[in-house]
Amino acid sequence: MKKEWGIITKLKNKSGFGWDDCLKMITVSKDVYNEELKAHPNHDKYLNKKLDMYEAMSIVVGKDMTTRNYAKSYIDVNLEENTDEQLISIENEGEYEETSKRKETSSSSA
């Protein structure tokens, strides 16, 4: 299974090859397909065909881990969520203060 996952990963990243995430299928044009089969006849089962065991393979042998700048832990995600909530509440407080000042000004001038 690990060997098959390696082939699938390599094919997905090759120039001229596409990926259909809904069908879990490596897509390729007829010309590129023919060239690939000349070089690797056993890759026929991976090209333009639904990969039935793709989800299971990705869980067992996949390395769907983000690296470098894109890597986040659950702590980072919670911090970002809290920061967004705090920004929204701070913005709302500012709007509330401006609205309150306008009401005070308009009522005092009347």
C-alpha atoms as a PDB file:
ATOM      1  CA  MET A   1       0.000   0.000   0.000  1.00  0.00           C
ATOM      2  CA  LYS A   2       2.870   2.337   0.792  1.00  0.00           C
ATOM      3  CA  LYS A   3       4.367   1.740  -2.653  1.00  0.00           C
ATOM      4  CA  GLU A   4       1.043   2.501  -4.349  1.00  0.00           C
ATOM      5  CA  TRP A   5       0.658   5.685  -2.293  1.00  0.00           C
ATOM      6  CA  GLY A   6       4.124   6.769  -3.423  1.00  0.00           C
ATOM      7  CA  ILE A   7       3.189   6.247  -7.081  1.00  0.00           C
ATOM      8  CA  ILE A   8      -0.099   8.135  -6.658  1.00  0.00           C
ATOM      9  CA  THR A   9       1.607  11.039  -4.908  1.00  0.00           C
ATOM     10  CA  LYS A  10       4.307  11.216  -7.567  1.00  0.00           C
ATOM     11  CA  LEU A  11       1.754  11.173 -10.390  1.00  0.00           C
ATOM     12  CA  LYS A  12      -0.412  13.851  -8.768  1.00  0.00           C
ATOM     13  CA  ASN A  13       2.575  16.191  -8.614  1.00  0.00           C
ATOM     14  CA  LYS A  14       3.845  15.611 -12.156  1.00  0.00           C
ATOM     15  CA  SER A  15       3.475  18.325 -14.749  1.00  0.00           C
ATOM     16  CA  GLY A  16       0.522  17.693 -17.060  1.00  0.00           C
ATOM     17  CA  PHE A  17      -1.379  15.646 -14.482  1.00  0.00           C
ATOM     18  CA  GLY A  18      -4.465  16.882 -12.669  1.00  0.00           C
ATOM     19  CA  TRP A  19      -6.466  15.788  -9.648  1.00  0.00           C
ATOM     20  CA  ASP A  20     -10.242  15.503  -9.296  1.00  0.00           C
ATOM     21  CA  ASP A  21     -10.884  15.714  -5.564  1.00  0.00           C
ATOM     22  CA  CYS A  22     -14.553  14.749  -5.851  1.00  0.00           C
ATOM     23  CA  LEU A  23     -13.866  11.531  -7.746  1.00  0.00           C
ATOM     24  CA  LYS A  24     -10.435  10.912  -6.159  1.00  0.00           C
ATOM     25  CA  MET A  25      -8.953  10.464  -9.595  1.00  0.00           C
ATOM     26  CA  ILE A  26      -5.737  11.495 -11.346  1.00  0.00           C
ATOM     27  CA  THR A  27      -6.734  13.168 -14.598  1.00  0.00           C
ATOM     28  CA  VAL A  28      -4.529  13.375 -17.634  1.00  0.00           C
ATOM     29  CA  SER A  29      -4.892  14.128 -21.348  1.00  0.00           C
ATOM     30  CA  LYS A  30      -4.696  11.337 -23.908  1.00  0.00           C
ATOM     31  CA  ASP A  31      -1.217  12.355 -25.130  1.00  0.00           C
ATOM     32  CA  VAL A  32       0.279  12.544 -21.646  1.00  0.00           C
ATOM     33  CA  TYR A  33      -1.496   9.292 -20.747  1.00  0.00           C
ATOM     34  CA  ASN A  34       0.112   7.508 -23.702  1.00  0.00           C
ATOM     35  CA  GLU A  35       3.570   8.877 -22.860  1.00  0.00           C
ATOM     36  CA  GLU A  36       3.244   7.791 -19.224  1.00  0.00           C
ATOM     37  CA  LEU A  37       2.163   4.275 -20.226  1.00  0.00           C
ATOM     38  CA  LYS A  38       5.152   3.924 -22.560  1.00  0.00           C
ATOM     39  CA  ALA A  39       7.475   4.736 -19.675  1.00  0.00           C
ATOM     40  CA  HIS A  40       5.471   2.957 -16.936  1.00  0.00           C
ATOM     41  CA  PRO A  41       2.887   0.438 -18.204  1.00  0.00           C
ATOM     42  CA  ASN A  42       1.823  -0.454 -14.658  1.00  0.00           C
ATOM     43  CA  HIS A  43       0.564   3.140 -14.031  1.00  0.00           C
ATOM     44  CA  ASP A  44      -2.516   2.439 -16.144  1.00  0.00           C
ATOM     45  CA  LYS A  45      -4.598   1.604 -13.065  1.00  0.00           C
ATOM     46  CA  TYR A  46      -3.950   5.055 -11.547  1.00  0.00           C
ATOM     47  CA  LEU A  47      -4.745   7.298 -14.506  1.00  0.00           C
ATOM     48  CA  ASN A  48      -8.231   8.553 -15.385  1.00  0.00           C
ATOM     49  CA  LYS A  49      -9.767   5.975 -13.052  1.00  0.00           C
ATOM     50  CA  LYS A  50     -11.369   6.453  -9.659  1.00  0.00           C
ATOM     51  CA  LEU A  51      -9.009   5.404  -6.868  1.00  0.00           C
ATOM     52  CA  ASP A  52     -11.395   3.468  -4.621  1.00  0.00           C
ATOM     53  CA  MET A  53      -9.017   3.041  -1.712  1.00  0.00           C
ATOM     54  CA  TYR A  54      -7.641   6.607  -1.810  1.00  0.00           C
ATOM     55  CA  GLU A  55      -9.241   7.763   1.453  1.00  0.00           C
ATOM     56  CA  ALA A  56      -8.098   4.657   3.322  1.00  0.00           C
ATOM     57  CA  MET A  57      -4.575   4.974   1.928  1.00  0.00           C
ATOM     58  CA  SER A  58      -4.376   8.637   2.890  1.00  0.00           C
ATOM     59  CA  ILE A  59      -5.253   7.729   6.481  1.00  0.00           C
ATOM     60  CA  VAL A  60      -2.904   4.772   6.717  1.00  0.00           C
ATOM     61  CA  VAL A  61       0.171   5.907   4.791  1.00  0.00           C
ATOM     62  CA  GLY A  62      -0.559   9.483   3.766  1.00  0.00           C
ATOM     63  CA  LYS A  63       1.497  12.332   5.011  1.00  0.00           C
ATOM     64  CA  ASP A  64      -1.088  15.099   4.984  1.00  0.00           C
ATOM     65  CA  MET A  65       0.888  17.224   7.363  1.00  0.00           C
ATOM     66  CA  THR A  66       1.544  20.873   6.715  1.00  0.00           C
ATOM     67  CA  THR A  67       5.094  22.083   7.041  1.00  0.00           C
ATOM     68  CA  ARG A  68       6.900  25.348   7.732  1.00  0.00           C
ATOM     69  CA  ASN A  69       4.842  28.551   7.691  1.00  0.00           C
ATOM     70  CA  TYR A  70       1.557  26.752   7.108  1.00  0.00           C
ATOM     71  CA  ALA A  71       1.882  24.367  10.043  1.00  0.00           C
ATOM     72  CA  LYS A  72      -0.499  25.058  12.908  1.00  0.00           C
ATOM     73  CA  SER A  73      -1.328  23.347  16.131  1.00  0.00           C
ATOM     74  CA  TYR A  74      -4.663  23.402  17.903  1.00  0.00           C
ATOM     75  CA  ILE A  75      -3.311  26.194  20.112  1.00  0.00           C
ATOM     76  CA  ASP A  76      -2.609  28.416  17.087  1.00  0.00           C
ATOM     77  CA  VAL A  77      -6.101  27.868  15.753  1.00  0.00           C
ATOM     78  CA  ASN A  78      -7.687  28.776  19.103  1.00  0.00           C
ATOM     79  CA  LEU A  79      -5.537  31.896  19.341  1.00  0.00           C
ATOM     80  CA  GLU A  80      -6.580  33.020  15.852  1.00  0.00           C
ATOM     81  CA  GLU A  81     -10.254  32.404  16.609  1.00  0.00           C
ATOM     82  CA  ASN A  82     -10.010  34.326  19.881  1.00  0.00           C
ATOM     83  CA  THR A  83      -8.142  37.163  18.186  1.00  0.00           C
ATOM     84  CA  ASP A  84     -10.848  37.465  15.527  1.00  0.00           C
ATOM     85  CA  GLU A  85     -13.559  37.522  18.186  1.00  0.00           C
ATOM     86  CA  GLN A  86     -11.686  40.160  20.170  1.00  0.00           C
ATOM     87  CA  LEU A  87     -11.222  42.329  17.065  1.00  0.00           C
ATOM     88  CA  ILE A  88     -14.924  42.127  16.280  1.00  0.00           C
ATOM     89  CA  SER A  89     -15.879  43.048  19.855  1.00  0.00           C
ATOM     90  CA  ILE A  90     -13.391  45.949  19.878  1.00  0.00           C
ATOM     91  CA  GLU A  91     -14.784  47.226  16.554  1.00  0.00           C
ATOM     92  CA  ASN A  92     -18.340  46.943  17.894  1.00  0.00           C
ATOM     93  CA  GLU A  93     -17.378  48.858  21.047  1.00  0.00           C
ATOM     94  CA  GLY A  94     -15.953  51.639  18.890  1.00  0.00           C
ATOM     95  CA  GLU A  95     -19.166  51.808  16.858  1.00  0.00           C
ATOM     96  CA  TYR A  96     -21.200  51.825  20.071  1.00  0.00           C
ATOM     97  CA  GLU A  97     -19.148  54.696  21.511  1.00  0.00           C
ATOM     98  CA  GLU A  98     -19.519  56.737  18.305  1.00  0.00           C
ATOM     99  CA  THR A  99     -23.279  56.144  18.252  1.00  0.00           C
ATOM    100  CA  SER A 100     -23.555  57.120  21.927  1.00  0.00           C
ATOM    101  CA  LYS A 101     -21.554  60.336  21.346  1.00  0.00           C
ATOM    102  CA  ARG A 102     -23.775  61.271  18.380  1.00  0.00           C
ATOM    103  CA  LYS A 103     -26.923  60.739  20.473  1.00  0.00           C
ATOM    104  CA  GLU A 104     -25.510  62.864  23.308  1.00  0.00           C
ATOM    105  CA  THR A 105     -24.517  65.629  20.886  1.00  0.00           C
ATOM    106  CA  SER A 106     -27.833  65.637  19.071  1.00  0.00           C
ATOM    107  CA  SER A 107     -29.875  65.594  22.293  1.00  0.00           C
ATOM    108  CA  SER A 108     -27.813  68.368  23.907  1.00  0.00           C
ATOM    109  CA  SER A 109     -27.999  70.609  20.860  1.00  0.00           C
ATOM    110  CA  ALA A 110     -31.740  70.171  20.596  1.00  0.00           C
END
